[in-house]
Amino acid sequence: METNDAPLSVKKKRPVEIHNYPKESIIQYSDSERSYTYNIIKEGTYPPAAYLKYTKGQKGFRIPDNYEVETSLRKPKTRQIVKCIIKYVEKKPVYWVYYGDKFQYHVKSEKSSSDVACLYAKVCTLQKP
C-alpha cells in the first residue's frame, strides 16, 4: 500500500460580496468560514482636510465622521448584531461598538476600529458562562 506524504490542500472559498449599494443599504459578505451582513445606516461625511484621518492599511482609506453601520457577527448559531459608529471628537475619530438586545451597552476606542473590535471581543469573552 502506498502513502502520499504530501499535505492535502484545502480549497478555500473566495470571498463574495453581494450588494446593490447605494440603492440598497444592505451588503452581504461571505468567505469559507463565516458570513457578515452590513446595514449602512449613515454614510457619514468627510471632515475638512486639515484634520481628516486615514486608515493605516495599504490603501489608507479616509475615515468618515458620523458613520453608522449595523453588522452581524459570528456563525449563524451564535450570531450577534452590533452597531458600529465613528464620530470625530476634538478633530479625532472615536470608534464605538454598541451591543445588547437594544444596543444598550458599548465599548469605545480612540485608537482604531480594530482596537474597539478587540475590546468588544474581550467583553464577549468575559460574559461567557
N, C-alpha and C. Protein backbone atom coordinates (compact mmCIF):
# COMPACT_ATOMS: atom_id res chain seq x y z
N MET A 1 0.83 -1.18 0.00
CA MET A 1 0.00 0.00 0.00
C MET A 1 0.87 1.23 0.00
N GLU A 2 0.56 2.17 -0.89
CA GLU A 2 1.33 3.40 -0.98
C GLU A 2 0.73 4.49 -0.11
N THR A 3 1.59 5.34 0.39
CA THR A 3 1.11 6.51 1.13
C THR A 3 1.64 7.76 0.45
N ASN A 4 0.91 8.77 0.53
CA ASN A 4 1.31 10.05 -0.03
C ASN A 4 1.50 11.01 1.13
N ASP A 5 2.75 11.41 1.37
CA ASP A 5 3.04 12.30 2.49
C ASP A 5 2.81 13.77 2.15
N ALA A 6 2.42 14.03 0.93
CA ALA A 6 2.16 15.43 0.55
C ALA A 6 0.93 15.94 1.30
N PRO A 7 1.00 17.17 1.81
CA PRO A 7 -0.15 17.69 2.54
C PRO A 7 -1.36 17.87 1.62
N LEU A 8 -2.52 17.62 2.18
CA LEU A 8 -3.75 17.85 1.42
C LEU A 8 -3.99 19.34 1.32
N SER A 9 -4.31 19.78 0.14
CA SER A 9 -4.60 21.20 0.00
C SER A 9 -6.10 21.41 0.16
N VAL A 10 -6.44 22.33 1.01
CA VAL A 10 -7.83 22.65 1.26
C VAL A 10 -8.16 23.88 0.44
N LYS A 11 -9.14 23.73 -0.41
CA LYS A 11 -9.52 24.84 -1.27
C LYS A 11 -10.45 25.77 -0.49
N LYS A 12 -10.01 27.00 -0.30
CA LYS A 12 -10.83 27.96 0.41
C LYS A 12 -11.76 28.67 -0.56
N LYS A 13 -12.94 28.92 -0.08
CA LYS A 13 -13.92 29.65 -0.87
C LYS A 13 -13.47 31.10 -0.99
N ARG A 14 -13.51 31.61 -2.19
CA ARG A 14 -13.14 33.01 -2.40
C ARG A 14 -14.18 33.91 -1.75
N PRO A 15 -13.75 35.02 -1.18
CA PRO A 15 -14.73 35.94 -0.59
C PRO A 15 -15.73 36.43 -1.63
N VAL A 16 -16.98 36.54 -1.19
CA VAL A 16 -18.05 37.01 -2.07
C VAL A 16 -18.74 38.18 -1.39
N GLU A 17 -18.95 39.23 -2.15
CA GLU A 17 -19.67 40.40 -1.65
C GLU A 17 -20.87 40.64 -2.56
N ILE A 18 -22.06 40.70 -1.96
CA ILE A 18 -23.28 40.89 -2.73
C ILE A 18 -23.94 42.18 -2.25
N HIS A 19 -24.18 43.09 -3.19
CA HIS A 19 -24.83 44.33 -2.80
C HIS A 19 -25.35 45.07 -4.03
N ASN A 20 -26.20 46.00 -3.78
CA ASN A 20 -26.70 46.93 -4.78
C ASN A 20 -26.58 48.34 -4.19
N TYR A 21 -25.43 48.57 -3.57
CA TYR A 21 -25.18 49.83 -2.88
C TYR A 21 -24.82 50.89 -3.91
N PRO A 22 -25.30 52.08 -3.84
CA PRO A 22 -26.02 52.74 -2.75
C PRO A 22 -27.55 52.67 -2.86
N LYS A 23 -28.08 51.97 -3.86
CA LYS A 23 -29.54 51.88 -3.98
C LYS A 23 -30.14 51.16 -2.78
N GLU A 24 -29.45 50.16 -2.26
CA GLU A 24 -29.90 49.42 -1.09
C GLU A 24 -28.79 49.47 -0.05
N SER A 25 -29.17 49.57 1.21
CA SER A 25 -28.18 49.76 2.28
C SER A 25 -27.55 48.46 2.79
N ILE A 26 -28.03 47.30 2.34
CA ILE A 26 -27.54 46.02 2.83
C ILE A 26 -26.39 45.50 1.95
N ILE A 27 -25.31 45.08 2.62
CA ILE A 27 -24.17 44.47 1.93
C ILE A 27 -23.94 43.12 2.60
N GLN A 28 -23.89 42.05 1.81
CA GLN A 28 -23.63 40.71 2.34
C GLN A 28 -22.24 40.29 1.89
N TYR A 29 -21.49 39.73 2.83
CA TYR A 29 -20.12 39.29 2.57
C TYR A 29 -19.95 37.90 3.16
N SER A 30 -19.29 37.02 2.42
CA SER A 30 -19.02 35.69 2.96
C SER A 30 -17.69 35.18 2.43
N ASP A 31 -17.06 34.34 3.26
CA ASP A 31 -15.85 33.64 2.84
C ASP A 31 -16.01 32.18 3.27
N SER A 32 -14.96 31.43 3.29
CA SER A 32 -15.08 29.99 3.56
C SER A 32 -15.45 29.68 5.01
N GLU A 33 -15.28 30.62 5.92
CA GLU A 33 -15.52 30.34 7.33
C GLU A 33 -16.74 31.03 7.93
N ARG A 34 -17.15 32.14 7.38
CA ARG A 34 -18.25 32.89 8.00
C ARG A 34 -18.90 33.83 7.00
N SER A 35 -19.98 34.44 7.44
CA SER A 35 -20.64 35.44 6.61
C SER A 35 -21.03 36.63 7.47
N TYR A 36 -21.10 37.77 6.86
CA TYR A 36 -21.46 39.00 7.54
C TYR A 36 -22.54 39.71 6.74
N THR A 37 -23.35 40.47 7.44
CA THR A 37 -24.30 41.34 6.79
C THR A 37 -24.09 42.73 7.36
N TYR A 38 -23.95 43.70 6.49
CA TYR A 38 -23.78 45.09 6.90
C TYR A 38 -25.00 45.88 6.46
N ASN A 39 -25.53 46.70 7.35
CA ASN A 39 -26.62 47.59 7.01
C ASN A 39 -26.11 49.01 7.25
N ILE A 40 -25.84 49.73 6.17
CA ILE A 40 -25.32 51.09 6.30
C ILE A 40 -26.47 51.99 6.73
N ILE A 41 -26.37 52.53 7.93
CA ILE A 41 -27.41 53.41 8.46
C ILE A 41 -27.13 54.86 8.07
N LYS A 42 -25.88 55.28 8.27
CA LYS A 42 -25.45 56.63 7.87
C LYS A 42 -24.09 56.51 7.20
N GLU A 43 -23.96 57.10 6.03
CA GLU A 43 -22.68 57.08 5.33
C GLU A 43 -21.66 58.00 5.99
N GLY A 44 -22.15 59.03 6.63
CA GLY A 44 -21.25 59.99 7.23
C GLY A 44 -20.70 60.95 6.17
N THR A 45 -19.86 61.84 6.62
CA THR A 45 -19.23 62.82 5.74
C THR A 45 -17.75 62.88 6.09
N TYR A 46 -16.97 63.41 5.16
CA TYR A 46 -15.55 63.56 5.44
C TYR A 46 -15.28 64.94 6.00
N PRO A 47 -14.57 65.00 7.13
CA PRO A 47 -14.26 66.31 7.71
C PRO A 47 -13.27 67.08 6.83
N PRO A 48 -13.03 68.34 7.15
CA PRO A 48 -12.07 69.13 6.38
C PRO A 48 -10.69 68.45 6.34
N ALA A 49 -9.99 68.66 5.27
CA ALA A 49 -8.67 68.04 5.06
C ALA A 49 -7.71 68.32 6.20
N ALA A 50 -7.87 69.45 6.87
CA ALA A 50 -6.95 69.82 7.95
C ALA A 50 -6.92 68.78 9.07
N TYR A 51 -8.01 68.07 9.30
CA TYR A 51 -7.99 67.04 10.34
C TYR A 51 -8.61 65.70 9.92
N LEU A 52 -8.81 65.51 8.63
CA LEU A 52 -9.25 64.22 8.12
C LEU A 52 -8.20 63.16 8.41
N LYS A 53 -8.62 62.03 8.95
CA LYS A 53 -7.70 60.93 9.26
C LYS A 53 -7.90 59.79 8.27
N TYR A 54 -6.87 58.94 8.16
CA TYR A 54 -6.87 57.81 7.23
C TYR A 54 -6.57 56.51 7.98
N THR A 55 -7.07 55.40 7.43
CA THR A 55 -6.72 54.09 7.98
C THR A 55 -5.25 53.86 7.71
N LYS A 56 -4.67 52.90 8.44
CA LYS A 56 -3.24 52.62 8.27
C LYS A 56 -2.96 51.48 7.30
N GLY A 57 -4.00 50.96 6.66
CA GLY A 57 -3.81 49.86 5.72
C GLY A 57 -3.04 50.30 4.49
N GLN A 58 -2.84 49.38 3.57
CA GLN A 58 -2.06 49.65 2.36
C GLN A 58 -2.61 50.82 1.56
N LYS A 59 -3.93 50.90 1.49
CA LYS A 59 -4.52 51.94 0.65
C LYS A 59 -4.81 53.23 1.41
N GLY A 60 -4.84 53.19 2.72
CA GLY A 60 -5.08 54.38 3.51
C GLY A 60 -6.42 55.05 3.20
N PHE A 61 -7.52 54.36 3.50
CA PHE A 61 -8.85 54.91 3.24
C PHE A 61 -9.17 56.07 4.18
N ARG A 62 -9.95 57.03 3.70
CA ARG A 62 -10.39 58.14 4.53
C ARG A 62 -11.38 57.63 5.57
N ILE A 63 -11.32 58.20 6.77
CA ILE A 63 -12.23 57.81 7.84
C ILE A 63 -13.33 58.87 7.94
N PRO A 64 -14.60 58.47 7.71
CA PRO A 64 -15.69 59.45 7.74
C PRO A 64 -16.11 59.83 9.16
N ASP A 65 -16.81 60.92 9.27
CA ASP A 65 -17.41 61.37 10.52
C ASP A 65 -18.89 61.01 10.48
N ASN A 66 -19.45 60.66 11.63
CA ASN A 66 -20.87 60.30 11.73
C ASN A 66 -21.24 59.12 10.84
N TYR A 67 -20.37 58.12 10.80
CA TYR A 67 -20.62 56.89 10.05
C TYR A 67 -21.28 55.89 10.99
N GLU A 68 -22.31 55.20 10.51
CA GLU A 68 -23.01 54.24 11.36
C GLU A 68 -23.43 53.02 10.54
N VAL A 69 -23.12 51.83 11.06
CA VAL A 69 -23.45 50.59 10.36
C VAL A 69 -23.84 49.53 11.39
N GLU A 70 -24.86 48.74 11.06
CA GLU A 70 -25.18 47.55 11.86
C GLU A 70 -24.53 46.37 11.18
N THR A 71 -23.90 45.52 11.96
CA THR A 71 -23.15 44.40 11.42
C THR A 71 -23.52 43.13 12.15
N SER A 72 -23.72 42.06 11.41
CA SER A 72 -23.92 40.75 12.03
C SER A 72 -22.57 40.10 12.19
N LEU A 73 -22.36 39.46 13.34
CA LEU A 73 -21.09 38.82 13.64
C LEU A 73 -21.29 37.36 14.00
N ARG A 74 -20.29 36.58 13.80
CA ARG A 74 -20.22 35.17 14.18
C ARG A 74 -21.01 34.27 13.25
N LYS A 75 -20.94 32.99 13.56
CA LYS A 75 -21.65 31.99 12.77
C LYS A 75 -23.14 32.01 13.13
N PRO A 76 -24.00 31.46 12.26
CA PRO A 76 -25.45 31.57 12.47
C PRO A 76 -25.96 31.19 13.87
N LYS A 77 -25.44 30.15 14.48
CA LYS A 77 -25.95 29.72 15.79
C LYS A 77 -25.64 30.71 16.91
N THR A 78 -24.56 31.45 16.78
CA THR A 78 -24.17 32.39 17.83
C THR A 78 -24.18 33.84 17.31
N ARG A 79 -24.89 34.06 16.24
CA ARG A 79 -24.90 35.37 15.57
C ARG A 79 -25.33 36.49 16.52
N GLN A 80 -24.64 37.61 16.41
CA GLN A 80 -24.97 38.81 17.16
C GLN A 80 -25.00 39.99 16.20
N ILE A 81 -25.79 40.99 16.53
CA ILE A 81 -25.81 42.20 15.72
C ILE A 81 -25.29 43.33 16.59
N VAL A 82 -24.34 44.07 16.05
CA VAL A 82 -23.77 45.22 16.75
C VAL A 82 -23.93 46.45 15.88
N LYS A 83 -23.89 47.59 16.52
CA LYS A 83 -23.94 48.86 15.80
C LYS A 83 -22.57 49.52 15.97
N CYS A 84 -21.92 49.83 14.87
CA CYS A 84 -20.60 50.46 14.89
C CYS A 84 -20.73 51.91 14.44
N ILE A 85 -20.13 52.79 15.20
CA ILE A 85 -20.24 54.22 14.92
C ILE A 85 -18.86 54.85 14.98
N ILE A 86 -18.61 55.77 14.03
CA ILE A 86 -17.40 56.57 14.05
C ILE A 86 -17.84 58.03 14.11
N LYS A 87 -17.33 58.75 15.10
CA LYS A 87 -17.58 60.19 15.21
C LYS A 87 -16.27 60.88 15.56
N TYR A 88 -16.05 62.00 14.93
CA TYR A 88 -14.87 62.80 15.29
C TYR A 88 -15.18 63.59 16.55
N VAL A 89 -14.29 63.49 17.52
CA VAL A 89 -14.40 64.25 18.76
C VAL A 89 -13.08 65.00 18.91
N GLU A 90 -13.18 66.30 19.00
CA GLU A 90 -11.99 67.15 19.07
C GLU A 90 -11.03 66.84 17.92
N LYS A 91 -11.59 66.73 16.73
CA LYS A 91 -10.86 66.54 15.47
C LYS A 91 -10.15 65.20 15.34
N LYS A 92 -10.58 64.21 16.12
CA LYS A 92 -10.01 62.86 16.02
C LYS A 92 -11.14 61.84 16.00
N PRO A 93 -11.01 60.78 15.18
CA PRO A 93 -12.07 59.77 15.14
C PRO A 93 -12.12 58.95 16.42
N VAL A 94 -13.34 58.71 16.90
CA VAL A 94 -13.57 57.83 18.04
C VAL A 94 -14.50 56.73 17.53
N TYR A 95 -14.19 55.50 17.92
CA TYR A 95 -14.89 54.32 17.42
C TYR A 95 -15.71 53.70 18.54
N TRP A 96 -16.99 53.42 18.28
CA TRP A 96 -17.87 52.78 19.25
C TRP A 96 -18.44 51.50 18.66
N VAL A 97 -18.62 50.51 19.52
CA VAL A 97 -19.40 49.32 19.19
C VAL A 97 -20.49 49.23 20.26
N TYR A 98 -21.75 49.31 19.81
CA TYR A 98 -22.90 49.17 20.69
C TYR A 98 -23.43 47.74 20.54
N TYR A 99 -23.79 47.13 21.65
CA TYR A 99 -24.27 45.76 21.62
C TYR A 99 -25.35 45.57 22.68
N GLY A 100 -25.96 44.40 22.70
CA GLY A 100 -27.06 44.11 23.60
C GLY A 100 -28.35 44.11 22.79
N ASP A 101 -29.42 43.61 23.38
CA ASP A 101 -30.69 43.48 22.67
C ASP A 101 -31.18 44.80 22.09
N LYS A 102 -30.91 45.88 22.80
CA LYS A 102 -31.35 47.20 22.33
C LYS A 102 -30.15 48.15 22.19
N PHE A 103 -28.98 47.57 21.97
CA PHE A 103 -27.73 48.34 21.84
C PHE A 103 -27.50 49.22 23.07
N GLN A 104 -27.83 48.69 24.25
CA GLN A 104 -27.74 49.47 25.47
C GLN A 104 -26.34 49.50 26.09
N TYR A 105 -25.44 48.66 25.59
CA TYR A 105 -24.06 48.62 26.10
C TYR A 105 -23.12 49.07 24.99
N HIS A 106 -21.94 49.55 25.39
CA HIS A 106 -20.98 49.92 24.36
C HIS A 106 -19.55 49.86 24.89
N VAL A 107 -18.63 49.74 23.95
CA VAL A 107 -17.21 49.92 24.20
C VAL A 107 -16.75 50.98 23.21
N LYS A 108 -15.68 51.69 23.55
CA LYS A 108 -15.18 52.71 22.62
C LYS A 108 -13.67 52.75 22.64
N SER A 109 -13.12 53.26 21.56
CA SER A 109 -11.67 53.40 21.44
C SER A 109 -11.35 54.67 20.68
N GLU A 110 -10.30 55.33 21.10
CA GLU A 110 -9.79 56.48 20.37
C GLU A 110 -8.61 56.08 19.50
N LYS A 111 -8.26 54.77 19.51
CA LYS A 111 -7.10 54.29 18.74
C LYS A 111 -7.48 53.90 17.32
N SER A 112 -8.40 52.91 17.18
CA SER A 112 -8.73 52.40 15.84
C SER A 112 -9.98 51.54 15.90
N SER A 113 -10.50 51.23 14.72
CA SER A 113 -11.64 50.32 14.65
C SER A 113 -11.22 48.92 15.08
N SER A 114 -9.99 48.52 14.79
CA SER A 114 -9.50 47.21 15.24
C SER A 114 -9.43 47.14 16.75
N ASP A 115 -9.01 48.22 17.37
CA ASP A 115 -8.90 48.24 18.83
C ASP A 115 -10.27 48.11 19.47
N VAL A 116 -11.27 48.83 18.96
CA VAL A 116 -12.61 48.72 19.55
C VAL A 116 -13.18 47.32 19.32
N ALA A 117 -12.85 46.69 18.20
CA ALA A 117 -13.30 45.31 17.95
C ALA A 117 -12.67 44.37 18.97
N CYS A 118 -11.41 44.57 19.30
CA CYS A 118 -10.75 43.75 20.32
C CYS A 118 -11.39 43.96 21.70
N LEU A 119 -11.72 45.20 22.02
CA LEU A 119 -12.39 45.49 23.29
C LEU A 119 -13.74 44.78 23.35
N TYR A 120 -14.46 44.80 22.26
CA TYR A 120 -15.75 44.11 22.20
C TYR A 120 -15.54 42.60 22.38
N ALA A 121 -14.55 42.04 21.73
CA ALA A 121 -14.27 40.60 21.85
C ALA A 121 -13.94 40.24 23.31
N LYS A 122 -13.22 41.10 24.00
CA LYS A 122 -12.90 40.85 25.41
C LYS A 122 -14.16 40.84 26.27
N VAL A 123 -15.06 41.79 26.01
CA VAL A 123 -16.32 41.83 26.75
C VAL A 123 -17.11 40.55 26.50
N CYS A 124 -17.15 40.10 25.27
CA CYS A 124 -17.88 38.87 24.94
C CYS A 124 -17.29 37.67 25.64
N THR A 125 -15.96 37.62 25.73
CA THR A 125 -15.27 36.52 26.40
C THR A 125 -15.60 36.52 27.89
N LEU A 126 -15.64 37.71 28.50
CA LEU A 126 -15.94 37.81 29.91
C LEU A 126 -17.38 37.43 30.24
N GLN A 127 -18.28 37.62 29.28
CA GLN A 127 -19.70 37.34 29.51
C GLN A 127 -20.08 35.89 29.26
N LYS A 128 -19.16 35.08 28.77
CA LYS A 128 -19.47 33.67 28.53
C LYS A 128 -19.62 32.94 29.87
N PRO A 129 -20.58 32.02 29.94
CA PRO A 129 -20.80 31.28 31.21
C PRO A 129 -19.67 30.34 31.53
